[in-house]
Every structure is written in structure tokens, then in C-alpha cells.
């Protein structure tokens, strides 16, 4: 229920009849409520992509000045020594050689048509040939048997089922433009027309994507099983998008080699149970502070980039000494872990761990001292639910209650400091939404999840996306080696 910002005339008269003290109390409560609402609005306006979880697209035209957490390396900008370059090189076996003869001497104009060349200077132009769709006609012979006097027709190749149909490579490109490059259906059709002078209906593109989704579904099921039962560290994230005009949630589960997407009408435990990974997962789940994740019995690891942004917000709005020190400590631990990894170490020393842990506890203690719990209002009936707390107090509670998950990266080098991989994987959904809008059907959202998960997995394993799509259309989708499965 929305709080009334200003008391009406009846409330003021009623307070006046009760005396001066009642009037003072009424206006004190009104001022307090208005101050709280103003503070919330100012806090909301102060949040941006650098001090909160808001995406950069919400910053508007007045973007905040970039504040990189990276320290200067002292190296010059550009490619570093030892970096493998990508210089355009000559092809040793060109497809076509065009000889340009010398007809006359450039000095005395004597004819040189009969003279023998003493050498050549080579230059190459790399370009595309003129491309068009290759029409292959399959003719199945029909023969008459002189013995039984019946007709026999030869079999068409597997997959050739229509009088006229599109082949696997052009269908792979339809899916490539629509599902990977995220072009809307109309622009995908225009792109195919501009490239190959072939008009393709939007329904044909949708049919191709449906066929592709059916082919890659077993791969994604294998990916899901591996993430659930085999992977020791899995990253999770979720983001909202509209499906048939209603808010739905897209969930991603991933690691360095695999990506699995799912769509559900809910965000929390109901959706996570339906997806089926977290209820059976026994490894360490990396995620943000969404409470639903903590309802599962696996180990947890929190994204510390989220914590750094929250601390940055406190530094800008409510600066206190412990905030900057805690931010510096998290970055110091991160640097210590990276240094140890670079030296092929598997863990920090016990002395270092104890030092970091005690400093972390001391800073939290200092923070709680400066941000105590809100006092119980005297003479008023206590409201239901948890009492309202400051942003700093809520952050301190999370950092204390989930301390093991916050510092998991310090004890186990397999645990990342952040959850950037999952955020990058889920970002494709937001890009799709910006380019093409919402999903018109729930099945369309499911198809997007299947194909994008397959594409993301292929890319993480160094596969060419077009070739992976073509293989899927040919009935041999790419299975990552990490799943220990084959197309069989």
C-alpha cells in the first residue's frame, strides 16, 4: 500500500483537537516519510552501471566517467611483443593467375611483345566470387521389369523429400543470421536476397530454426547432464524478457566449455526446480545474491563484482572508512590469488589466509558498529515483516551471512572472483530483445534457448558456428568432447 505523503485536512484537525503534541508527532511522521521517499529516489537516480547491477544501456546520454579497477601495467598500447599477428598474407596457391604483359618499352617505346619476361612482380586481390544458389536436380530412374512387368523407382538421397526444397547449407545460413547474428525475420530474408538473389519467406526461416532445434536438443540434454552431475563449478544467472507480452525469465547455467539456457514464467525456486540442474547439483554454484539459490544444498560462490559495485555506491552516497578498506581488501585478495596462480601454486599459505580472514572480519565488525540495526519505534505497533534497514546494513548482513561464499575464491582457485561468464552468456538475450523485440510464442523462446546454447557451446570449444550449424542440419550435430558423449 502506498504511503500518503501529506496528511489530509481531517487528519490535521483530528491531531489539533488532541493537542500540540499530537500535531508535532503528525508532522514529524510526515517529514520522516517524505525524507525516506526522497532518499530512495535520490539513491535510485544515483545508481548506474558502475555502482550497481544496472546495465550500461540504462545510463542514458550522461554516462558516468569510466572507473576501471585495473591497474596500469606500464606497457605501451597495441600489440605486445610475442603477440601473434594477423597480417594479410599472399596465398601460395592462388585460384587464378592473371598475367599482365609488357607491350612497349617505357623508355624508348620499342615493341617488347616478342621479348621474354625476365621476372614478375606479384600482387594478390582476395575477394568473393559471384555467389548464387546451386540448383541440383535429382532424377530417380523408373524402370520396367520384363519378368514381373512392374515398375521400380530408384531411391532419392536421404533428406530429399520434396519436389523443390532448400539444402542444408542455405538453411544453416538462415539460422546463422537469425539466431546467431540476431537479425529479425524480415532482415534475415532481405540478407539472403541481397546475397543470393533468392526470395525466402519468413515462415521458411522459422521452419529451418525449428528443424535445427530438434537436431540440437539431444546435445543440449547432454550438456545439461554434464553440468548437473559432473561439473564441479557451474555459473548461474537469469534475466527477464517478454514472451507473448508477459514477463518471463531466461536462466543460464554454464562453465568454460558448456552453455545451457532455459525459459520459465518464474524467476526463483519454482523455475530452478523445473529446469532440474540445481536440485541435483553437488558442486559449487556461482551466482548473485538472489535468495532462491541458497535454498539448495550445494556449495555456493558469490559474484564479488556485484559487491564492488555496491561498495562503490556507498562510497559515492554514504562514505565511511570501512567501505573503501573492504573494497581494497577484496581486490588485494584477488591480486594475491592471481599472483599465486601465475606461479603455479594451488592455494594461499595458511598465514596469508588467516590474515585476510581476520581483516575481513574486523572490517565487517567496524561496519556493523557504524551501521547498527534500526531501533524499535516507541509507542507504535510493530509492522509485519523485517524492519527496514539501510543499504549499507543490508550489504553487511549478506557479506557476514554468506562469508564462505564471498571468500570461496580465496580458498579454492577453481572458484572465480566474479560471475562474468554467466553474465556474458545471458547478455545475448538482452541483445536479441533490443534488436528483434519480444518473443511471440513460448515455443519460439524455447527454440532460441536450444540453438543459442548449442552455438555458445560450439564457440567455447573453438568450432566454426556455420560449420556446427551445417553439421546439425545434416544430422550430425557437434558434441563437445567434455561431455564424453558422441552423436550415437
Protein backbone atom coordinates (compact mmCIF):
# COMPACT_ATOMS: atom_id res chain seq x y z
CA UNK A 1 0.00 0.00 0.00
CA UNK A 2 1.39 3.42 -0.97
CA UNK A 3 2.08 5.77 1.96
CA UNK A 4 0.25 9.10 1.85
CA UNK A 5 2.95 11.80 1.57
CA UNK A 6 0.86 14.59 3.13
CA UNK A 7 -1.87 14.28 5.82
CA UNK A 8 -5.29 15.44 4.69
CA UNK A 9 -7.37 18.13 6.38
CA UNK A 10 -9.33 15.66 8.51
CA UNK A 11 -6.14 14.15 9.96
CA UNK A 12 -4.73 17.60 10.74
CA UNK A 13 -7.95 18.69 12.50
CA UNK A 14 -8.07 15.46 14.46
CA UNK A 15 -4.50 15.98 15.63
CA UNK A 16 -5.24 19.62 16.50
CA UNK A 17 -8.11 18.56 18.73
CA UNK A 18 -5.75 16.22 20.60
CA UNK A 19 -3.30 19.00 21.34
CA UNK A 20 0.02 20.45 20.28
CA UNK A 21 1.96 17.24 20.91
CA UNK A 22 -0.28 15.29 18.52
CA UNK A 23 0.24 17.91 15.80
CA UNK A 24 4.01 17.80 16.28
CA UNK A 25 4.02 13.98 16.12
CA UNK A 26 1.89 14.01 12.96
CA UNK A 27 4.21 16.38 11.16
CA UNK A 28 7.32 14.58 12.40
CA UNK A 29 5.98 11.32 10.94
CA UNK A 30 5.08 13.07 7.68
CA UNK A 31 8.53 14.68 7.42
CA UNK A 32 10.21 11.34 8.15
CA UNK A 33 8.16 9.55 5.47
CA UNK A 34 8.87 12.26 2.90
CA UNK A 35 12.58 12.21 3.78
CA UNK A 36 12.73 8.44 3.33
CA UNK A 37 10.96 8.64 -0.04
CA UNK A 38 13.26 11.46 -1.17
CA UNK A 39 16.32 9.49 -0.09
CA UNK A 40 15.13 6.42 -2.01
CA UNK A 41 14.55 8.49 -5.14
CA UNK A 42 17.98 10.12 -4.88
CA UNK A 43 19.61 6.72 -4.33
CA UNK A 44 17.81 5.35 -7.36
CA UNK A 45 18.90 8.28 -9.52
CA UNK A 46 22.49 7.89 -8.28
CA UNK A 47 22.73 4.28 -9.40
CA UNK A 48 24.32 3.48 -12.74
CA UNK A 49 26.20 0.64 -14.39
CA UNK A 50 29.40 1.37 -12.42
CA UNK A 51 27.93 1.27 -8.90
CA UNK A 52 25.03 -1.17 -9.25
CA UNK A 53 23.75 -4.07 -11.30
CA UNK A 54 22.06 -1.78 -13.82
CA UNK A 55 23.08 -2.46 -17.44
CA UNK A 56 25.10 0.21 -19.29
CA UNK A 57 22.17 0.79 -21.66
CA UNK A 58 20.23 2.43 -18.80
CA UNK A 59 22.87 5.11 -18.22
CA UNK A 60 21.39 7.32 -20.91
CA UNK A 61 23.35 10.05 -22.61
CA UNK A 62 25.01 11.26 -19.40
CA UNK A 63 27.14 8.21 -18.85
CA UNK A 64 29.37 8.24 -15.76
CA UNK A 65 33.08 8.64 -16.27
CA UNK A 66 34.65 5.20 -16.62
CA UNK A 67 36.31 3.90 -13.46
CA UNK A 68 38.40 0.90 -14.37
CA UNK A 69 39.51 -1.33 -11.49
CA UNK A 70 42.52 -2.42 -13.49
CA UNK A 71 45.90 -1.02 -12.57
CA UNK A 72 48.23 0.38 -15.19
CA UNK A 73 50.65 -2.27 -16.47
CA UNK A 74 53.20 0.20 -17.76
CA UNK A 75 53.11 -1.39 -21.21
CA UNK A 76 52.54 0.55 -24.41
CA UNK A 77 49.15 0.31 -26.06
CA UNK A 78 48.71 -2.02 -29.01
CA UNK A 79 50.05 -5.49 -29.72
CA UNK A 80 52.67 -6.73 -27.28
CA UNK A 81 55.93 -8.49 -28.05
CA UNK A 82 55.30 -12.13 -28.91
CA UNK A 83 51.67 -11.48 -29.88
CA UNK A 84 50.64 -13.50 -32.91
CA UNK A 85 49.61 -11.03 -35.58
CA UNK A 86 47.02 -11.35 -38.32
CA UNK A 87 48.76 -9.68 -41.25
CA UNK A 88 47.18 -10.25 -44.65
CA UNK A 89 49.43 -12.75 -46.42
CA UNK A 90 49.72 -13.96 -50.01
CA UNK A 91 48.18 -17.27 -50.95
CA UNK A 92 50.88 -19.63 -52.20
CA UNK A 93 48.35 -21.42 -54.42
CA UNK A 94 46.10 -18.74 -55.92
CA UNK A 95 42.87 -19.85 -57.57
CA UNK A 96 43.50 -17.73 -60.64
CA UNK A 97 46.60 -16.11 -62.15
CA UNK A 98 46.21 -13.13 -64.48
CA UNK A 99 49.39 -12.19 -66.38
CA UNK A 100 49.74 -8.57 -67.48
CA UNK A 101 52.22 -8.47 -70.41
CA UNK A 102 54.56 -5.60 -71.27
CA UNK A 103 53.77 -4.33 -74.81
CA UNK A 104 56.28 -1.47 -75.21
CA UNK A 105 59.42 -0.19 -73.55
CA UNK A 106 58.55 2.56 -71.11
CA UNK A 107 61.73 4.48 -72.09
CA UNK A 108 62.13 4.24 -75.92
CA UNK A 109 58.71 2.82 -76.83
CA UNK A 110 60.21 -0.20 -78.62
CA UNK A 111 57.83 -3.13 -79.02
CA UNK A 112 58.50 -5.89 -76.44
CA UNK A 113 55.70 -8.28 -77.47
CA UNK A 114 58.20 -10.93 -78.61
CA UNK A 115 60.67 -10.39 -75.76
CA UNK A 116 60.88 -12.98 -72.97
CA UNK A 117 59.96 -11.86 -69.45
CA UNK A 118 62.91 -11.83 -67.03
CA UNK A 119 60.72 -11.71 -63.93
CA UNK A 120 57.35 -10.74 -62.46
CA UNK A 121 56.12 -8.64 -59.59
CA UNK A 122 53.27 -10.32 -57.69
CA UNK A 123 50.22 -8.71 -56.18
CA UNK A 124 47.10 -10.54 -54.99
CA UNK A 125 43.50 -9.45 -54.50
CA UNK A 126 41.39 -11.54 -52.13
CA UNK A 127 37.70 -11.25 -52.92
CA UNK A 128 34.50 -13.24 -53.03
CA UNK A 129 33.32 -14.88 -56.24
CA UNK A 130 29.88 -14.06 -57.53
CA UNK A 131 27.62 -16.24 -55.42
CA UNK A 132 24.29 -17.82 -56.33
CA UNK A 133 22.30 -20.80 -55.15
CA UNK A 134 23.39 -24.04 -56.78
CA UNK A 135 20.39 -25.96 -58.09
CA UNK A 136 20.99 -29.71 -58.01
CA UNK A 137 18.32 -31.82 -59.71
CA UNK A 138 17.95 -35.41 -58.52
CA UNK A 139 16.40 -37.75 -61.08
CA UNK A 140 15.28 -41.13 -59.83
CA UNK A 141 15.12 -43.60 -62.68
CA UNK A 142 11.98 -45.64 -63.21
CA UNK A 143 12.44 -48.99 -64.95
CA UNK A 144 10.05 -51.64 -66.20
CA UNK A 145 10.73 -55.25 -65.23
CA UNK A 146 10.35 -57.66 -68.16
CA UNK A 147 9.88 -60.55 -65.73
CA UNK A 148 7.07 -59.35 -63.45
CA UNK A 149 6.05 -56.39 -65.65
CA UNK A 150 6.13 -53.95 -62.68
CA UNK A 151 7.81 -50.57 -62.32
CA UNK A 152 10.69 -49.91 -59.93
CA UNK A 153 11.87 -46.41 -58.98
CA UNK A 154 15.33 -45.58 -57.60
CA UNK A 155 15.54 -44.14 -54.09
CA UNK A 156 16.25 -40.45 -53.60
CA UNK A 157 19.13 -39.43 -51.29
CA UNK A 158 18.35 -39.13 -47.60
CA UNK A 159 16.69 -35.80 -46.86
CA UNK A 160 15.48 -35.16 -50.42
CA UNK A 161 11.74 -35.38 -49.76
CA UNK A 162 10.13 -32.50 -51.68
CA UNK A 163 9.79 -31.57 -55.33
CA UNK A 164 11.71 -28.37 -54.59
CA UNK A 165 13.44 -27.68 -51.28
CA UNK A 166 16.32 -25.79 -49.71
CA UNK A 167 19.58 -27.55 -48.91
CA UNK A 168 21.38 -27.84 -45.58
CA UNK A 169 23.93 -25.07 -46.12
CA UNK A 170 21.41 -22.36 -47.00
CA UNK A 171 19.25 -23.41 -44.03
CA UNK A 172 22.34 -23.22 -41.83
CA UNK A 173 22.83 -19.64 -43.01
CA UNK A 174 19.19 -18.80 -42.30
CA UNK A 175 19.68 -19.97 -38.72
CA UNK A 176 23.08 -18.28 -38.54
CA UNK A 177 21.70 -14.86 -39.42
CA UNK A 178 18.50 -15.17 -37.36
CA UNK A 179 19.67 -16.97 -34.21
CA UNK A 180 23.38 -16.12 -34.05
CA UNK A 181 23.58 -12.63 -35.60
CA UNK A 182 20.11 -11.96 -34.11
CA UNK A 183 18.63 -10.42 -37.25
CA UNK A 184 14.82 -10.16 -37.27
CA UNK A 185 12.99 -12.40 -39.72
CA UNK A 186 12.42 -9.63 -42.27
CA UNK A 187 16.07 -8.57 -42.27
CA UNK A 188 17.20 -12.19 -42.46
CA UNK A 189 15.06 -12.62 -45.57
CA UNK A 190 16.48 -9.40 -47.03
CA UNK A 191 20.04 -10.55 -46.32
CA UNK A 192 19.51 -13.86 -48.12
CA UNK A 193 18.00 -12.00 -51.07
CA UNK A 194 20.87 -9.50 -51.25
CA UNK A 195 23.50 -12.25 -51.07
CA UNK A 196 21.95 -14.86 -53.36
CA UNK A 197 19.08 -13.10 -55.19
CA UNK A 198 16.67 -15.62 -53.69
CA UNK A 199 13.36 -14.66 -52.04
CA UNK A 200 12.80 -16.66 -48.85
CA UNK A 201 9.59 -16.47 -46.82
CA UNK A 202 9.80 -15.73 -43.10
CA UNK A 203 7.94 -18.97 -42.41
CA UNK A 204 10.71 -20.89 -44.17
CA UNK A 205 13.26 -19.39 -41.77
CA UNK A 206 11.13 -20.34 -38.77
CA UNK A 207 10.75 -23.89 -40.10
CA UNK A 208 14.52 -24.16 -40.53
CA UNK A 209 15.09 -22.99 -36.94
CA UNK A 210 12.50 -25.48 -35.68
CA UNK A 211 14.31 -28.29 -37.53
CA UNK A 212 17.65 -27.14 -36.13
CA UNK A 213 16.29 -27.04 -32.59
CA UNK A 214 15.12 -30.65 -32.89
CA UNK A 215 18.57 -31.71 -34.12
CA UNK A 216 20.50 -29.98 -31.31
CA UNK A 217 18.10 -30.87 -28.48
CA UNK A 218 20.00 -34.11 -27.63
CA UNK A 219 23.26 -32.13 -27.47
CA UNK A 220 21.75 -29.66 -25.03
CA UNK A 221 20.37 -32.51 -22.94
CA UNK A 222 23.90 -33.95 -22.73
CA UNK A 223 25.21 -30.51 -21.77
CA UNK A 224 22.58 -30.25 -19.04
CA UNK A 225 23.50 -33.67 -17.65
CA UNK A 226 27.19 -32.81 -17.58
CA UNK A 227 26.58 -29.51 -15.79
CA UNK A 228 24.31 -31.24 -13.28
CA UNK A 229 26.27 -34.34 -12.39
CA UNK A 230 29.89 -33.83 -13.49
CA UNK A 231 30.95 -30.20 -13.47
CA UNK A 232 32.45 -29.07 -10.15
CA UNK A 233 31.84 -25.35 -10.69
CA UNK A 234 28.80 -24.02 -12.58
CA UNK A 235 27.80 -20.39 -13.02
CA UNK A 236 24.15 -19.32 -12.91
CA UNK A 237 22.31 -16.16 -13.88
CA UNK A 238 18.86 -15.07 -15.01
CA UNK A 239 17.28 -12.16 -16.84
CA UNK A 240 13.76 -11.10 -17.70
CA UNK A 241 12.23 -10.82 -21.17
CA UNK A 242 8.73 -10.68 -22.57
CA UNK A 243 7.16 -13.77 -24.09
CA UNK A 244 3.70 -13.30 -25.64
CA UNK A 245 3.62 -9.89 -23.95
CA UNK A 246 4.21 -11.26 -20.42
CA UNK A 247 7.36 -11.19 -18.31
CA UNK A 248 9.28 -14.47 -18.35
CA UNK A 249 12.74 -15.37 -17.09
CA UNK A 250 15.62 -16.82 -19.05
CA UNK A 251 18.04 -18.86 -16.96
CA UNK A 252 21.61 -19.74 -17.94
CA UNK A 253 23.85 -22.45 -16.47
CA UNK A 254 27.36 -22.57 -17.84
CA UNK A 255 31.05 -23.18 -17.40
CA UNK A 256 34.10 -22.51 -19.60
CA UNK A 257 33.07 -25.20 -22.12
CA UNK A 258 29.27 -25.55 -21.94
CA UNK A 259 26.18 -23.35 -22.01
CA UNK A 260 22.60 -24.30 -21.22
CA UNK A 261 19.60 -21.95 -21.45
CA UNK A 262 16.04 -22.40 -20.23
CA UNK A 263 12.95 -20.17 -20.15
CA UNK A 264 10.29 -20.16 -17.45
CA UNK A 265 7.44 -17.93 -16.28
CA UNK A 266 9.04 -17.67 -12.83
CA UNK A 267 12.43 -16.50 -11.60
CA UNK A 268 13.03 -18.30 -8.31
CA UNK A 269 12.91 -21.81 -6.91
CA UNK A 270 9.86 -22.94 -8.90
CA UNK A 271 11.72 -22.26 -12.15
CA UNK A 272 15.01 -23.70 -10.87
CA UNK A 273 13.27 -26.91 -9.82
CA UNK A 274 11.59 -27.17 -13.21
CA UNK A 275 14.90 -26.69 -15.04
CA UNK A 276 16.33 -29.52 -12.96
CA UNK A 277 20.03 -28.63 -12.61
CA UNK A 278 20.27 -27.09 -9.14
CA UNK A 279 18.11 -29.69 -7.33
CA UNK A 280 20.64 -32.40 -8.28
CA UNK A 281 23.82 -30.31 -8.37
CA UNK A 282 26.52 -31.21 -5.83
CA UNK A 283 29.33 -28.87 -6.90
CA UNK A 284 29.75 -25.13 -6.29
CA UNK A 285 27.20 -22.74 -7.77
CA UNK A 286 28.43 -19.26 -8.69
CA UNK A 287 25.68 -16.64 -8.70
CA UNK A 288 24.49 -13.30 -7.36
CA UNK A 289 22.68 -12.71 -4.05
CA UNK A 290 19.26 -13.96 -5.21
CA UNK A 291 17.94 -15.83 -2.12
CA UNK A 292 16.47 -18.69 -4.20
CA UNK A 293 19.95 -20.05 -4.94
CA UNK A 294 20.69 -20.54 -1.24
CA UNK A 295 17.74 -22.92 -0.90
CA UNK A 296 19.83 -25.65 -2.48
CA UNK A 297 22.31 -27.76 -0.57
CA UNK A 298 25.27 -27.34 -2.90
CA UNK A 299 28.26 -25.13 -2.13
CA UNK A 300 27.97 -21.50 -3.17
CA UNK A 301 30.18 -18.73 -4.50
CA UNK A 302 29.06 -15.13 -4.87
CA UNK A 303 29.95 -12.64 -7.59
CA UNK A 304 32.29 -10.13 -5.95
CA UNK A 305 31.97 -7.67 -8.82
CA UNK A 306 28.44 -7.10 -7.54
CA UNK A 307 29.89 -6.38 -4.10
CA UNK A 308 32.46 -3.98 -5.53
CA UNK A 309 29.69 -2.06 -7.31
CA UNK A 310 27.66 -1.89 -4.09
CA UNK A 311 30.69 -0.62 -2.18
CA UNK A 312 31.27 1.95 -4.92
CA UNK A 313 27.69 3.15 -4.46
CA UNK A 314 28.24 3.52 -0.71
CA UNK A 315 31.44 5.47 -1.32
CA UNK A 316 29.53 7.91 -3.52
CA UNK A 317 26.40 8.27 -1.36
CA UNK A 318 27.27 7.28 2.22
CA UNK A 319 31.08 7.25 2.56
CA UNK A 320 32.52 5.52 5.61
CA UNK A 321 36.06 4.36 6.33
CA UNK A 322 35.28 0.63 6.31
CA UNK A 323 33.75 0.79 2.81
CA UNK A 324 36.95 1.78 0.98
CA UNK A 325 39.04 -0.59 3.11
CA UNK A 326 36.75 -3.53 2.38
CA UNK A 327 36.78 -2.76 -1.33
CA UNK A 328 40.59 -2.59 -1.29
CA UNK A 329 40.78 -5.85 0.66
CA UNK A 330 38.69 -7.78 -1.86
CA UNK A 331 40.88 -6.51 -4.70
CA UNK A 332 44.02 -7.32 -2.70
CA UNK A 333 42.86 -10.91 -2.15
CA UNK A 334 42.03 -11.19 -5.87
CA UNK A 335 45.53 -9.97 -6.79
CA UNK A 336 47.13 -12.41 -4.35
CA UNK A 337 45.21 -15.33 -5.86
CA UNK A 338 46.15 -14.30 -9.41
CA UNK A 339 49.81 -14.00 -8.41
CA UNK A 340 49.76 -17.44 -6.80
CA UNK A 341 48.12 -18.95 -9.90
CA UNK A 342 50.75 -17.36 -12.15
CA UNK A 343 53.40 -19.15 -10.05
CA UNK A 344 51.58 -22.49 -10.48
CA UNK A 345 50.52 -22.61 -6.82
CA UNK A 346 47.28 -24.31 -5.84
CA UNK A 347 46.45 -22.38 -2.67
CA UNK A 348 47.50 -19.45 -0.50
CA UNK A 349 49.56 -20.08 2.61
CA UNK A 350 47.76 -20.65 5.91
CA UNK A 351 49.28 -17.43 7.28
CA UNK A 352 48.01 -15.41 4.32
CA UNK A 353 44.53 -16.94 4.60
CA UNK A 354 44.35 -16.20 8.31
CA UNK A 355 45.48 -12.61 7.72
CA UNK A 356 42.90 -11.95 5.02
CA UNK A 357 40.12 -13.62 7.02
CA UNK A 358 40.83 -11.65 10.21
CA UNK A 359 40.98 -8.35 8.31
CA UNK A 360 37.68 -9.18 6.62
CA UNK A 361 36.03 -9.91 9.98
CA UNK A 362 37.43 -6.73 11.52
CA UNK A 363 36.09 -4.57 8.70
CA UNK A 364 32.63 -6.14 8.96
CA UNK A 365 32.68 -5.53 12.71
CA UNK A 366 33.61 -1.91 12.08
CA UNK A 367 30.81 -1.62 9.53
CA UNK A 368 28.17 -3.05 11.88
CA UNK A 369 29.31 -0.60 14.55
CA UNK A 370 28.73 2.34 12.22
CA UNK A 371 25.53 0.85 10.71
CA UNK A 372 23.52 -0.60 13.61
CA UNK A 373 20.13 -2.24 13.28
CA UNK A 374 17.20 0.20 13.23
CA UNK A 375 15.74 0.90 16.66
CA UNK A 376 12.24 -0.26 17.53
CA UNK A 377 9.78 2.68 17.29
CA UNK A 378 8.44 3.59 20.73
CA UNK A 379 4.74 3.74 21.26
CA UNK A 380 3.92 2.35 17.82
CA UNK A 381 2.65 -1.02 16.76
CA UNK A 382 5.39 -3.04 15.08
CA UNK A 383 4.82 -3.59 11.37
CA UNK A 384 4.83 -7.07 9.90
CA UNK A 385 7.96 -8.39 8.18
CA UNK A 386 11.58 -7.42 8.58
CA UNK A 387 12.25 -3.85 9.71
CA UNK A 388 13.62 -1.54 7.05
CA UNK A 389 17.39 -1.25 7.03
CA UNK A 390 19.87 0.94 5.26
CA UNK A 391 21.56 -0.19 2.04
CA UNK A 392 24.86 -0.48 3.93
CA UNK A 393 23.33 -2.65 6.69
CA UNK A 394 21.74 -5.00 4.14
CA UNK A 395 25.07 -5.37 2.35
CA UNK A 396 26.89 -6.06 5.63
CA UNK A 397 24.33 -8.73 6.51
CA UNK A 398 24.94 -10.51 3.19
CA UNK A 399 28.71 -10.28 3.50
CA UNK A 400 28.51 -11.76 7.01
CA UNK A 401 25.83 -14.40 6.50
CA UNK A 402 27.43 -15.68 3.27
CA UNK A 403 31.07 -15.09 4.16
CA UNK A 404 32.16 -18.55 2.96
CA UNK A 405 30.56 -17.92 -0.43
CA UNK A 406 32.04 -14.42 -0.69
CA UNK A 407 35.60 -15.64 0.01
CA UNK A 408 35.30 -19.03 -1.73
CA UNK A 409 37.67 -17.84 -4.47
CA UNK A 410 40.32 -17.26 -1.81
CA UNK A 411 40.29 -20.86 -0.60
CA UNK A 412 39.66 -22.67 -3.89
CA UNK A 413 41.39 -21.42 -7.02
CA UNK A 414 38.79 -23.18 -9.17
CA UNK A 415 36.20 -20.70 -7.91
CA UNK A 416 36.11 -17.42 -9.88
CA UNK A 417 36.15 -13.99 -8.25
CA UNK A 418 33.19 -12.93 -10.38
CA UNK A 419 30.33 -14.31 -12.43
CA UNK A 420 31.17 -12.52 -15.68
CA UNK A 421 30.97 -15.66 -17.82
CA UNK A 422 27.30 -16.24 -16.99
CA UNK A 423 26.55 -12.54 -17.42
CA UNK A 424 28.14 -12.57 -20.87
CA UNK A 425 26.13 -15.63 -21.84
CA UNK A 426 22.84 -14.14 -20.67
CA UNK A 427 23.63 -10.80 -22.35
CA UNK A 428 22.80 -12.29 -25.75
CA UNK A 429 19.18 -12.45 -24.68
CA UNK A 430 19.15 -8.70 -24.00
CA UNK A 431 20.82 -8.01 -27.35
CA UNK A 432 18.19 -10.15 -29.08
CA UNK A 433 15.45 -8.27 -27.26
CA UNK A 434 16.85 -4.88 -28.31
CA UNK A 435 17.19 -5.88 -31.96
CA UNK A 436 14.15 -8.05 -32.52
CA UNK A 437 11.79 -7.32 -29.65
CA UNK A 438 9.93 -9.86 -27.53
CA UNK A 439 9.11 -13.48 -28.35
CA UNK A 440 5.74 -14.07 -29.99
CA UNK A 441 5.38 -17.63 -28.67
CA UNK A 442 6.74 -19.72 -25.82
CA UNK A 443 7.95 -22.32 -28.34
CA UNK A 444 9.91 -19.60 -30.10
CA UNK A 445 11.64 -18.78 -26.81
CA UNK A 446 12.46 -22.48 -26.29
CA UNK A 447 13.90 -22.73 -29.80
CA UNK A 448 16.08 -19.70 -29.11
CA UNK A 449 17.36 -21.32 -25.91
CA UNK A 450 18.23 -24.60 -27.65
CA UNK A 451 20.01 -23.01 -30.60
CA UNK A 452 21.83 -20.31 -28.62
CA UNK A 453 23.02 -22.88 -26.09
CA UNK A 454 24.32 -25.07 -28.90
CA UNK A 455 26.05 -22.12 -30.61
CA UNK A 456 27.60 -20.85 -27.37
CA UNK A 457 28.90 -24.33 -26.55
CA UNK A 458 30.38 -24.72 -30.04
CA UNK A 459 32.12 -21.33 -29.85
CA UNK A 460 33.56 -22.07 -26.41
CA UNK A 461 35.14 -25.17 -27.91
CA UNK A 462 36.67 -23.35 -30.87
CA UNK A 463 34.18 -24.52 -33.50
CA UNK A 464 33.11 -22.52 -36.55
CA UNK A 465 29.47 -21.58 -35.95
CA UNK A 466 28.39 -22.05 -39.57
CA UNK A 467 30.00 -25.47 -39.79
CA UNK A 468 28.44 -26.51 -36.48
CA UNK A 469 25.01 -25.47 -37.75
CA UNK A 470 25.52 -27.25 -41.07
CA UNK A 471 26.56 -30.45 -39.27
CA UNK A 472 23.41 -30.27 -37.17
CA UNK A 473 21.20 -29.93 -40.23
CA UNK A 474 23.00 -32.97 -41.70
CA UNK A 475 22.00 -34.99 -38.63
CA UNK A 476 25.48 -34.92 -37.05
CA UNK A 477 25.44 -32.07 -34.51
CA UNK A 478 28.62 -31.11 -32.70
CA UNK A 479 29.06 -32.81 -29.32
CA UNK A 480 31.75 -31.21 -27.14
CA UNK A 481 34.38 -33.70 -26.05
CA UNK A 482 33.94 -32.67 -22.43
CA UNK A 483 30.52 -34.37 -22.35
CA UNK A 484 32.16 -37.75 -23.08
CA UNK A 485 29.30 -38.44 -25.48
CA UNK A 486 29.01 -38.94 -29.21
CA UNK A 487 26.27 -38.37 -31.70
CA UNK A 488 25.47 -42.04 -31.38
